[in-house]
């Protein structure tokens, strides 16, 4: 019984460490700026806005 609790505690600590690592290990200067949409950009798979019913 004690071994199962110890294993569950270890798994919980590992989960917290993974979440902590992914939250705070981003780029040093933040996210890259989004590219402006221009005429030469390839078409997206999204449907056009204001589509028909």
C-alpha atoms as a PDB file:
ATOM      1  CA  UNK A   1       0.000   0.000   0.000  1.00  0.00           C
ATOM      2  CA  UNK A   2       2.781   2.412   0.945  1.00  0.00           C
ATOM      3  CA  UNK A   3       4.639   1.622  -2.280  1.00  0.00           C
ATOM      4  CA  UNK A   4       1.577   2.538  -4.362  1.00  0.00           C
ATOM      5  CA  UNK A   5       1.241   5.867  -2.541  1.00  0.00           C
ATOM      6  CA  UNK A   6       4.944   6.556  -3.013  1.00  0.00           C
ATOM      7  CA  UNK A   7       4.644   5.814  -6.736  1.00  0.00           C
ATOM      8  CA  UNK A   8       1.573   8.072  -7.023  1.00  0.00           C
ATOM      9  CA  UNK A   9       3.445  10.851  -5.245  1.00  0.00           C
ATOM     10  CA  UNK A  10       6.397  10.443  -7.627  1.00  0.00           C
ATOM     11  CA  UNK A  11       4.082  10.558 -10.659  1.00  0.00           C
ATOM     12  CA  UNK A  12       2.388  13.696  -9.319  1.00  0.00           C
ATOM     13  CA  UNK A  13       5.713  15.423  -8.737  1.00  0.00           C
ATOM     14  CA  UNK A  14       6.841  14.434 -12.238  1.00  0.00           C
ATOM     15  CA  UNK A  15       3.621  15.865 -13.698  1.00  0.00           C
ATOM     16  CA  UNK A  16       4.109  19.162 -11.848  1.00  0.00           C
ATOM     17  CA  UNK A  17       7.725  19.383 -13.052  1.00  0.00           C
ATOM     18  CA  UNK A  18       6.721  18.747 -16.679  1.00  0.00           C
ATOM     19  CA  UNK A  19       3.990  21.409 -16.521  1.00  0.00           C
ATOM     20  CA  UNK A  20       6.379  23.862 -14.854  1.00  0.00           C
ATOM     21  CA  UNK A  21       9.049  23.185 -17.496  1.00  0.00           C
ATOM     22  CA  UNK A  22       6.664  23.724 -20.413  1.00  0.00           C
ATOM     23  CA  UNK A  23       5.186  26.914 -18.931  1.00  0.00           C
ATOM     24  CA  UNK A  24       8.448  28.708 -18.219  1.00  0.00           C
ATOM     25  CA  UNK A  25      10.890  27.449 -20.857  1.00  0.00           C
ATOM     26  CA  UNK A  26       9.757  29.654 -23.748  1.00  0.00           C
ATOM     27  CA  UNK A  27      11.818  31.917 -25.944  1.00  0.00           C
ATOM     28  CA  UNK A  28      14.052  34.398 -24.183  1.00  0.00           C
ATOM     29  CA  UNK A  29      12.530  37.423 -25.972  1.00  0.00           C
ATOM     30  CA  UNK A  30       8.927  36.210 -26.124  1.00  0.00           C
ATOM     31  CA  UNK A  31       6.961  35.077 -29.133  1.00  0.00           C
ATOM     32  CA  UNK A  32       7.980  35.958 -32.656  1.00  0.00           C
ATOM     33  CA  UNK A  33       5.818  38.655 -34.301  1.00  0.00           C
ATOM     34  CA  UNK A  34       3.154  37.326 -36.629  1.00  0.00           C
ATOM     35  CA  UNK A  35       3.811  37.732 -40.324  1.00  0.00           C
ATOM     36  CA  UNK A  36       1.626  40.286 -42.098  1.00  0.00           C
ATOM     37  CA  UNK A  37      -0.776  38.832 -44.614  1.00  0.00           C
ATOM     38  CA  UNK A  38       0.223  39.795 -48.129  1.00  0.00           C
ATOM     39  CA  UNK A  39      -0.805  39.012 -51.691  1.00  0.00           C
ATOM     40  CA  UNK A  40       1.988  36.461 -52.202  1.00  0.00           C
ATOM     41  CA  UNK A  41       1.015  34.302 -49.221  1.00  0.00           C
ATOM     42  CA  UNK A  42      -0.287  30.819 -50.032  1.00  0.00           C
ATOM     43  CA  UNK A  43      -4.042  30.386 -49.614  1.00  0.00           C
ATOM     44  CA  UNK A  44      -5.219  29.059 -46.268  1.00  0.00           C
ATOM     45  CA  UNK A  45      -7.579  26.165 -45.683  1.00  0.00           C
ATOM     46  CA  UNK A  46     -10.027  28.418 -43.807  1.00  0.00           C
ATOM     47  CA  UNK A  47     -13.313  29.258 -45.539  1.00  0.00           C
ATOM     48  CA  UNK A  48     -13.775  32.904 -46.499  1.00  0.00           C
ATOM     49  CA  UNK A  49     -15.440  35.140 -43.951  1.00  0.00           C
ATOM     50  CA  UNK A  50     -19.139  35.922 -44.454  1.00  0.00           C
ATOM     51  CA  UNK A  51     -19.883  32.712 -46.335  1.00  0.00           C
ATOM     52  CA  UNK A  52     -23.288  31.820 -47.731  1.00  0.00           C
ATOM     53  CA  UNK A  53     -25.910  29.919 -45.731  1.00  0.00           C
END
